[in-house]
Amino acid sequence: MIRDARFRAPGLSVAWLLLSFAQCAAGLWFSFAVPAAARPGDTTYTEVAYAMGAGLILWVSGLLGAVKAVGHRRLVLRLAPRT
């Protein structure tokens, strides 16, 4: 059993989850809002492709972080001493 208090800090996993959620939201915004706001003549195809690619990377890494945060929280709550 893990006895170190730093590994049983459930607040850290919540903070991790919130940061991952913010990263997912930013990724979805880049993926959808930037291409939707593109105007012919002002925005090039390259700018739209870069924004969509950056959004996809942010979204996927945010999802991975959220999955890891949920797994960490489940581990912490399972290892927490029962009172």
PDB file of N, CA and C in Angstrom:
ATOM      1  N   MET A   1       0.842  -1.177   0.000  1.00  0.00           N
ATOM      2  CA  MET A   1       0.000   0.000   0.000  1.00  0.00           C
ATOM      3  C   MET A   1       0.889   1.243   0.000  1.00  0.00           C
ATOM      4  N   ILE A   2       0.487   2.242  -0.727  1.00  0.00           N
ATOM      5  CA  ILE A   2       1.246   3.481  -0.810  1.00  0.00           C
ATOM      6  C   ILE A   2       0.939   4.321   0.427  1.00  0.00           C
ATOM      7  N   ARG A   3       1.970   4.675   1.165  1.00  0.00           N
ATOM      8  CA  ARG A   3       1.781   5.450   2.386  1.00  0.00           C
ATOM      9  C   ARG A   3       2.174   6.921   2.222  1.00  0.00           C
ATOM     10  N   ASP A   4       2.781   7.265   1.125  1.00  0.00           N
ATOM     11  CA  ASP A   4       3.231   8.641   0.918  1.00  0.00           C
ATOM     12  C   ASP A   4       2.023   9.539   0.651  1.00  0.00           C
ATOM     13  N   ALA A   5       1.909  10.612   1.410  1.00  0.00           N
ATOM     14  CA  ALA A   5       0.740  11.493   1.297  1.00  0.00           C
ATOM     15  C   ALA A   5       0.684  12.219  -0.042  1.00  0.00           C
ATOM     16  N   ARG A   6       1.840  12.431  -0.683  1.00  0.00           N
ATOM     17  CA  ARG A   6       1.824  13.134  -1.970  1.00  0.00           C
ATOM     18  C   ARG A   6       1.097  12.342  -3.040  1.00  0.00           C
ATOM     19  N   PHE A   7       1.121  11.013  -2.947  1.00  0.00           N
ATOM     20  CA  PHE A   7       0.435  10.186  -3.938  1.00  0.00           C
ATOM     21  C   PHE A   7      -1.052  10.070  -3.649  1.00  0.00           C
ATOM     22  N   ARG A   8      -1.470  10.459  -2.457  1.00  0.00           N
ATOM     23  CA  ARG A   8      -2.878  10.357  -2.101  1.00  0.00           C
ATOM     24  C   ARG A   8      -3.563  11.707  -2.125  1.00  0.00           C
ATOM     25  N   ALA A   9      -3.032  12.663  -2.843  1.00  0.00           N
ATOM     26  CA  ALA A   9      -3.613  14.000  -2.905  1.00  0.00           C
ATOM     27  C   ALA A   9      -4.676  14.048  -4.001  1.00  0.00           C
ATOM     28  N   PRO A  10      -5.957  13.875  -3.631  1.00  0.00           N
ATOM     29  CA  PRO A  10      -6.997  13.868  -4.663  1.00  0.00           C
ATOM     30  C   PRO A  10      -7.196  15.221  -5.322  1.00  0.00           C
ATOM     31  N   GLY A  11      -6.802  16.303  -4.656  1.00  0.00           N
ATOM     32  CA  GLY A  11      -6.937  17.634  -5.262  1.00  0.00           C
ATOM     33  C   GLY A  11      -6.057  17.810  -6.477  1.00  0.00           C
ATOM     34  N   LEU A  12      -4.909  17.148  -6.486  1.00  0.00           N
ATOM     35  CA  LEU A  12      -4.025  17.252  -7.643  1.00  0.00           C
ATOM     36  C   LEU A  12      -4.654  16.635  -8.882  1.00  0.00           C
ATOM     37  N   SER A  13      -5.357  15.524  -8.710  1.00  0.00           N
ATOM     38  CA  SER A  13      -5.977  14.906  -9.878  1.00  0.00           C
ATOM     39  C   SER A  13      -7.132  15.759 -10.400  1.00  0.00           C
ATOM     40  N   VAL A  14      -7.816  16.471  -9.513  1.00  0.00           N
ATOM     41  CA  VAL A  14      -8.888  17.370  -9.961  1.00  0.00           C
ATOM     42  C   VAL A  14      -8.293  18.544 -10.735  1.00  0.00           C
ATOM     43  N   ALA A  15      -7.185  19.100 -10.230  1.00  0.00           N
ATOM     44  CA  ALA A  15      -6.519  20.187 -10.952  1.00  0.00           C
ATOM     45  C   ALA A  15      -6.024  19.704 -12.305  1.00  0.00           C
ATOM     46  N   TRP A  16      -5.475  18.513 -12.343  1.00  0.00           N
ATOM     47  CA  TRP A  16      -4.995  17.902 -13.578  1.00  0.00           C
ATOM     48  C   TRP A  16      -6.159  17.744 -14.556  1.00  0.00           C
ATOM     49  N   LEU A  17      -7.306  17.298 -14.051  1.00  0.00           N
ATOM     50  CA  LEU A  17      -8.483  17.110 -14.900  1.00  0.00           C
ATOM     51  C   LEU A  17      -8.986  18.443 -15.445  1.00  0.00           C
ATOM     52  N   LEU A  18      -8.987  19.485 -14.617  1.00  0.00           N
ATOM     53  CA  LEU A  18      -9.455  20.794 -15.081  1.00  0.00           C
ATOM     54  C   LEU A  18      -8.518  21.381 -16.135  1.00  0.00           C
ATOM     55  N   LEU A  19      -7.217  21.222 -15.934  1.00  0.00           N
ATOM     56  CA  LEU A  19      -6.275  21.705 -16.944  1.00  0.00           C
ATOM     57  C   LEU A  19      -6.414  20.938 -18.258  1.00  0.00           C
ATOM     58  N   SER A  20      -6.661  19.648 -18.158  1.00  0.00           N
ATOM     59  CA  SER A  20      -6.868  18.849 -19.367  1.00  0.00           C
ATOM     60  C   SER A  20      -8.153  19.261 -20.071  1.00  0.00           C
ATOM     61  N   PHE A  21      -9.181  19.563 -19.286  1.00  0.00           N
ATOM     62  CA  PHE A  21     -10.435  20.025 -19.874  1.00  0.00           C
ATOM     63  C   PHE A  21     -10.235  21.355 -20.598  1.00  0.00           C
ATOM     64  N   ALA A  22      -9.463  22.259 -19.994  1.00  0.00           N
ATOM     65  CA  ALA A  22      -9.181  23.545 -20.643  1.00  0.00           C
ATOM     66  C   ALA A  22      -8.397  23.341 -21.934  1.00  0.00           C
ATOM     67  N   GLN A  23      -7.477  22.387 -21.927  1.00  0.00           N
ATOM     68  CA  GLN A  23      -6.708  22.098 -23.135  1.00  0.00           C
ATOM     69  C   GLN A  23      -7.614  21.518 -24.213  1.00  0.00           C
ATOM     70  N   CYS A  24      -8.540  20.654 -23.847  1.00  0.00           N
ATOM     71  CA  CYS A  24      -9.499  20.120 -24.822  1.00  0.00           C
ATOM     72  C   CYS A  24     -10.366  21.226 -25.402  1.00  0.00           C
ATOM     73  N   ALA A  25     -10.819  22.131 -24.544  1.00  0.00           N
ATOM     74  CA  ALA A  25     -11.653  23.239 -25.024  1.00  0.00           C
ATOM     75  C   ALA A  25     -10.883  24.138 -25.987  1.00  0.00           C
ATOM     76  N   ALA A  26      -9.627  24.414 -25.667  1.00  0.00           N
ATOM     77  CA  ALA A  26      -8.804  25.230 -26.570  1.00  0.00           C
ATOM     78  C   ALA A  26      -8.582  24.511 -27.893  1.00  0.00           C
ATOM     79  N   GLY A  27      -8.363  23.208 -27.838  1.00  0.00           N
ATOM     80  CA  GLY A  27      -8.174  22.435 -29.062  1.00  0.00           C
ATOM     81  C   GLY A  27      -9.411  22.423 -29.936  1.00  0.00           C
ATOM     82  N   LEU A  28     -10.571  22.262 -29.316  1.00  0.00           N
ATOM     83  CA  LEU A  28     -11.809  22.284 -30.099  1.00  0.00           C
ATOM     84  C   LEU A  28     -12.060  23.668 -30.676  1.00  0.00           C
ATOM     85  N   TRP A  29     -11.717  24.713 -29.918  1.00  0.00           N
ATOM     86  CA  TRP A  29     -11.881  26.064 -30.441  1.00  0.00           C
ATOM     87  C   TRP A  29     -10.986  26.269 -31.656  1.00  0.00           C
ATOM     88  N   PHE A  30      -9.718  25.857 -31.560  1.00  0.00           N
ATOM     89  CA  PHE A  30      -8.809  25.992 -32.702  1.00  0.00           C
ATOM     90  C   PHE A  30      -9.320  25.200 -33.896  1.00  0.00           C
ATOM     91  N   SER A  31      -9.865  24.017 -33.644  1.00  0.00           N
ATOM     92  CA  SER A  31     -10.285  23.145 -34.741  1.00  0.00           C
ATOM     93  C   SER A  31     -11.529  23.655 -35.464  1.00  0.00           C
ATOM     94  N   PHE A  32     -12.420  24.328 -34.740  1.00  0.00           N
ATOM     95  CA  PHE A  32     -13.691  24.713 -35.353  1.00  0.00           C
ATOM     96  C   PHE A  32     -13.860  26.217 -35.540  1.00  0.00           C
ATOM     97  N   ALA A  33     -13.486  27.013 -34.567  1.00  0.00           N
ATOM     98  CA  ALA A  33     -13.751  28.453 -34.650  1.00  0.00           C
ATOM     99  C   ALA A  33     -12.815  29.155 -35.633  1.00  0.00           C
ATOM    100  N   VAL A  34     -11.553  28.774 -35.637  1.00  0.00           N
ATOM    101  CA  VAL A  34     -10.605  29.437 -36.541  1.00  0.00           C
ATOM    102  C   VAL A  34     -10.962  29.163 -38.011  1.00  0.00           C
ATOM    103  N   PRO A  35     -11.222  27.922 -38.407  1.00  0.00           N
ATOM    104  CA  PRO A  35     -11.630  27.713 -39.806  1.00  0.00           C
ATOM    105  C   PRO A  35     -12.978  28.360 -40.142  1.00  0.00           C
ATOM    106  N   ALA A  36     -13.881  28.414 -39.162  1.00  0.00           N
ATOM    107  CA  ALA A  36     -15.180  29.027 -39.432  1.00  0.00           C
ATOM    108  C   ALA A  36     -15.055  30.539 -39.624  1.00  0.00           C
ATOM    109  N   ALA A  37     -14.056  31.136 -38.979  1.00  0.00           N
ATOM    110  CA  ALA A  37     -13.867  32.580 -39.095  1.00  0.00           C
ATOM    111  C   ALA A  37     -12.991  32.964 -40.284  1.00  0.00           C
ATOM    112  N   ALA A  38     -12.513  31.991 -41.030  1.00  0.00           N
ATOM    113  CA  ALA A  38     -11.635  32.273 -42.175  1.00  0.00           C
ATOM    114  C   ALA A  38     -12.425  32.994 -43.268  1.00  0.00           C
ATOM    115  N   ARG A  39     -11.817  33.991 -43.833  1.00  0.00           N
ATOM    116  CA  ARG A  39     -12.433  34.765 -44.901  1.00  0.00           C
ATOM    117  C   ARG A  39     -11.603  34.621 -46.166  1.00  0.00           C
ATOM    118  N   PRO A  40     -12.255  34.417 -47.309  1.00  0.00           N
ATOM    119  CA  PRO A  40     -11.513  34.313 -48.562  1.00  0.00           C
ATOM    120  C   PRO A  40     -10.719  35.591 -48.826  1.00  0.00           C
ATOM    121  N   GLY A  41      -9.471  35.418 -49.175  1.00  0.00           N
ATOM    122  CA  GLY A  41      -8.618  36.549 -49.459  1.00  0.00           C
ATOM    123  C   GLY A  41      -7.808  37.006 -48.253  1.00  0.00           C
ATOM    124  N   ASP A  42      -8.310  36.784 -47.052  1.00  0.00           N
ATOM    125  CA  ASP A  42      -7.592  37.174 -45.843  1.00  0.00           C
ATOM    126  C   ASP A  42      -6.842  36.002 -45.225  1.00  0.00           C
ATOM    127  N   THR A  43      -7.460  34.842 -45.217  1.00  0.00           N
ATOM    128  CA  THR A  43      -6.891  33.664 -44.569  1.00  0.00           C
ATOM    129  C   THR A  43      -6.510  32.640 -45.622  1.00  0.00           C
ATOM    130  N   THR A  44      -5.302  32.137 -45.527  1.00  0.00           N
ATOM    131  CA  THR A  44      -4.850  31.144 -46.506  1.00  0.00           C
ATOM    132  C   THR A  44      -5.227  29.739 -46.040  1.00  0.00           C
ATOM    133  N   TYR A  45      -5.167  28.799 -46.973  1.00  0.00           N
ATOM    134  CA  TYR A  45      -5.427  27.404 -46.637  1.00  0.00           C
ATOM    135  C   TYR A  45      -4.399  26.887 -45.634  1.00  0.00           C
ATOM    136  N   THR A  46      -3.181  27.374 -45.731  1.00  0.00           N
ATOM    137  CA  THR A  46      -2.122  26.940 -44.820  1.00  0.00           C
ATOM    138  C   THR A  46      -2.440  27.354 -43.384  1.00  0.00           C
ATOM    139  N   GLU A  47      -2.913  28.563 -43.181  1.00  0.00           N
ATOM    140  CA  GLU A  47      -3.270  29.020 -41.836  1.00  0.00           C
ATOM    141  C   GLU A  47      -4.394  28.187 -41.247  1.00  0.00           C
ATOM    142  N   VAL A  48      -5.371  27.864 -42.061  1.00  0.00           N
ATOM    143  CA  VAL A  48      -6.481  27.035 -41.591  1.00  0.00           C
ATOM    144  C   VAL A  48      -5.998  25.629 -41.264  1.00  0.00           C
ATOM    145  N   ALA A  49      -5.151  25.079 -42.104  1.00  0.00           N
ATOM    146  CA  ALA A  49      -4.633  23.733 -41.851  1.00  0.00           C
ATOM    147  C   ALA A  49      -3.781  23.697 -40.591  1.00  0.00           C
ATOM    148  N   TYR A  50      -2.942  24.712 -40.384  1.00  0.00           N
ATOM    149  CA  TYR A  50      -2.130  24.773 -39.163  1.00  0.00           C
ATOM    150  C   TYR A  50      -3.017  24.897 -37.924  1.00  0.00           C
ATOM    151  N   ALA A  51      -4.045  25.720 -37.991  1.00  0.00           N
ATOM    152  CA  ALA A  51      -4.942  25.887 -36.845  1.00  0.00           C
ATOM    153  C   ALA A  51      -5.678  24.582 -36.538  1.00  0.00           C
ATOM    154  N   MET A  52      -6.131  23.899 -37.584  1.00  0.00           N
ATOM    155  CA  MET A  52      -6.836  22.634 -37.355  1.00  0.00           C
ATOM    156  C   MET A  52      -5.879  21.571 -36.817  1.00  0.00           C
ATOM    157  N   GLY A  53      -4.653  21.561 -37.312  1.00  0.00           N
ATOM    158  CA  GLY A  53      -3.664  20.604 -36.805  1.00  0.00           C
ATOM    159  C   GLY A  53      -3.301  20.875 -35.362  1.00  0.00           C
ATOM    160  N   ALA A  54      -3.090  22.147 -35.021  1.00  0.00           N
ATOM    161  CA  ALA A  54      -2.797  22.501 -33.630  1.00  0.00           C
ATOM    162  C   ALA A  54      -3.974  22.170 -32.728  1.00  0.00           C
ATOM    163  N   GLY A  55      -5.178  22.420 -33.208  1.00  0.00           N
ATOM    164  CA  GLY A  55      -6.366  22.078 -32.433  1.00  0.00           C
ATOM    165  C   GLY A  55      -6.488  20.593 -32.203  1.00  0.00           C
ATOM    166  N   LEU A  56      -6.183  19.802 -33.215  1.00  0.00           N
ATOM    167  CA  LEU A  56      -6.248  18.351 -33.061  1.00  0.00           C
ATOM    168  C   LEU A  56      -5.218  17.854 -32.050  1.00  0.00           C
ATOM    169  N   ILE A  57      -4.019  18.400 -32.115  1.00  0.00           N
ATOM    170  CA  ILE A  57      -2.976  17.998 -31.170  1.00  0.00           C
ATOM    171  C   ILE A  57      -3.373  18.388 -29.745  1.00  0.00           C
ATOM    172  N   LEU A  58      -3.881  19.603 -29.564  1.00  0.00           N
ATOM    173  CA  LEU A  58      -4.317  20.032 -28.235  1.00  0.00           C
ATOM    174  C   LEU A  58      -5.460  19.172 -27.720  1.00  0.00           C
ATOM    175  N   TRP A  59      -6.409  18.866 -28.581  1.00  0.00           N
ATOM    176  CA  TRP A  59      -7.572  18.091 -28.177  1.00  0.00           C
ATOM    177  C   TRP A  59      -7.180  16.674 -27.782  1.00  0.00           C
ATOM    178  N   VAL A  60      -6.367  16.018 -28.583  1.00  0.00           N
ATOM    179  CA  VAL A  60      -5.974  14.639 -28.287  1.00  0.00           C
ATOM    180  C   VAL A  60      -5.118  14.585 -27.023  1.00  0.00           C
ATOM    181  N   SER A  61      -4.171  15.499 -26.877  1.00  0.00           N
ATOM    182  CA  SER A  61      -3.345  15.473 -25.671  1.00  0.00           C
ATOM    183  C   SER A  61      -4.164  15.845 -24.433  1.00  0.00           C
ATOM    184  N   GLY A  62      -5.158  16.700 -24.581  1.00  0.00           N
ATOM    185  CA  GLY A  62      -6.066  16.993 -23.471  1.00  0.00           C
ATOM    186  C   GLY A  62      -6.899  15.790 -23.087  1.00  0.00           C
ATOM    187  N   LEU A  63      -7.358  15.038 -24.079  1.00  0.00           N
ATOM    188  CA  LEU A  63      -8.101  13.812 -23.776  1.00  0.00           C
ATOM    189  C   LEU A  63      -7.231  12.792 -23.067  1.00  0.00           C
ATOM    190  N   LEU A  64      -6.001  12.653 -23.505  1.00  0.00           N
ATOM    191  CA  LEU A  64      -5.083  11.725 -22.832  1.00  0.00           C
ATOM    192  C   LEU A  64      -4.828  12.163 -21.392  1.00  0.00           C
ATOM    193  N   GLY A  65      -4.649  13.451 -21.183  1.00  0.00           N
ATOM    194  CA  GLY A  65      -4.454  13.959 -19.832  1.00  0.00           C
ATOM    195  C   GLY A  65      -5.670  13.741 -18.957  1.00  0.00           C
ATOM    196  N   ALA A  66      -6.855  13.916 -19.512  1.00  0.00           N
ATOM    197  CA  ALA A  66      -8.080  13.693 -18.743  1.00  0.00           C
ATOM    198  C   ALA A  66      -8.229  12.229 -18.356  1.00  0.00           C
ATOM    199  N   VAL A  67      -7.909  11.334 -19.270  1.00  0.00           N
ATOM    200  CA  VAL A  67      -7.989   9.896 -18.963  1.00  0.00           C
ATOM    201  C   VAL A  67      -6.996   9.539 -17.859  1.00  0.00           C
ATOM    202  N   LYS A  68      -5.791  10.084 -17.938  1.00  0.00           N
ATOM    203  CA  LYS A  68      -4.797   9.815 -16.901  1.00  0.00           C
ATOM    204  C   LYS A  68      -5.219  10.413 -15.562  1.00  0.00           C
ATOM    205  N   ALA A  69      -5.832  11.590 -15.580  1.00  0.00           N
ATOM    206  CA  ALA A  69      -6.279  12.225 -14.344  1.00  0.00           C
ATOM    207  C   ALA A  69      -7.391  11.417 -13.688  1.00  0.00           C
ATOM    208  N   VAL A  70      -8.318  10.917 -14.482  1.00  0.00           N
ATOM    209  CA  VAL A  70      -9.395  10.086 -13.933  1.00  0.00           C
ATOM    210  C   VAL A  70      -8.825   8.787 -13.371  1.00  0.00           C
ATOM    211  N   GLY A  71      -7.888   8.198 -14.071  1.00  0.00           N
ATOM    212  CA  GLY A  71      -7.242   6.980 -13.565  1.00  0.00           C
ATOM    213  C   GLY A  71      -6.492   7.239 -12.274  1.00  0.00           C
ATOM    214  N   HIS A  72      -5.808   8.375 -12.188  1.00  0.00           N
ATOM    215  CA  HIS A  72      -5.096   8.725 -10.962  1.00  0.00           C
ATOM    216  C   HIS A  72      -6.072   8.945  -9.817  1.00  0.00           C
ATOM    217  N   ARG A  73      -7.175   9.613 -10.095  1.00  0.00           N
ATOM    218  CA  ARG A  73      -8.168   9.852  -9.036  1.00  0.00           C
ATOM    219  C   ARG A  73      -8.767   8.549  -8.547  1.00  0.00           C
ATOM    220  N   ARG A  74      -9.056   7.639  -9.456  1.00  0.00           N
ATOM    221  CA  ARG A  74      -9.585   6.339  -9.035  1.00  0.00           C
ATOM    222  C   ARG A  74      -8.576   5.589  -8.181  1.00  0.00           C
ATOM    223  N   LEU A  75      -7.304   5.658  -8.559  1.00  0.00           N
ATOM    224  CA  LEU A  75      -6.256   5.010  -7.778  1.00  0.00           C
ATOM    225  C   LEU A  75      -6.141   5.643  -6.401  1.00  0.00           C
ATOM    226  N   VAL A  76      -6.174   6.966  -6.330  1.00  0.00           N
ATOM    227  CA  VAL A  76      -6.047   7.663  -5.056  1.00  0.00           C
ATOM    228  C   VAL A  76      -7.214   7.331  -4.137  1.00  0.00           C
ATOM    229  N   LEU A  77      -8.413   7.341  -4.678  1.00  0.00           N
ATOM    230  CA  LEU A  77      -9.575   7.060  -3.839  1.00  0.00           C
ATOM    231  C   LEU A  77      -9.614   5.602  -3.397  1.00  0.00           C
ATOM    232  N   ARG A  78      -9.082   4.712  -4.189  1.00  0.00           N
ATOM    233  CA  ARG A  78      -9.047   3.296  -3.820  1.00  0.00           C
ATOM    234  C   ARG A  78      -8.003   3.067  -2.721  1.00  0.00           C
ATOM    235  N   LEU A  79      -6.903   3.820  -2.761  1.00  0.00           N
ATOM    236  CA  LEU A  79      -5.832   3.642  -1.786  1.00  0.00           C
ATOM    237  C   LEU A  79      -6.017   4.479  -0.539  1.00  0.00           C
ATOM    238  N   ALA A  80      -6.990   5.380  -0.543  1.00  0.00           N
ATOM    239  CA  ALA A  80      -7.205   6.240   0.619  1.00  0.00           C
ATOM    240  C   ALA A  80      -7.644   5.406   1.810  1.00  0.00           C
ATOM    241  N   PRO A  81      -7.127   5.716   2.980  1.00  0.00           N
ATOM    242  CA  PRO A  81      -7.515   4.954   4.163  1.00  0.00           C
ATOM    243  C   PRO A  81      -8.982   5.205   4.509  1.00  0.00           C
ATOM    244  N   ARG A  82      -9.674   4.172   4.871  1.00  0.00           N
ATOM    245  CA  ARG A  82     -11.097   4.282   5.265  1.00  0.00           C
ATOM    246  C   ARG A  82     -11.178   4.719   6.714  1.00  0.00           C
ATOM    247  N   THR A  83     -12.002   5.729   6.969  1.00  0.00           N
ATOM    248  CA  THR A  83     -12.144   6.180   8.364  1.00  0.00           C
ATOM    249  C   THR A  83     -13.537   5.965   8.867  1.00  0.00           C
TER     250      THR A  83
END
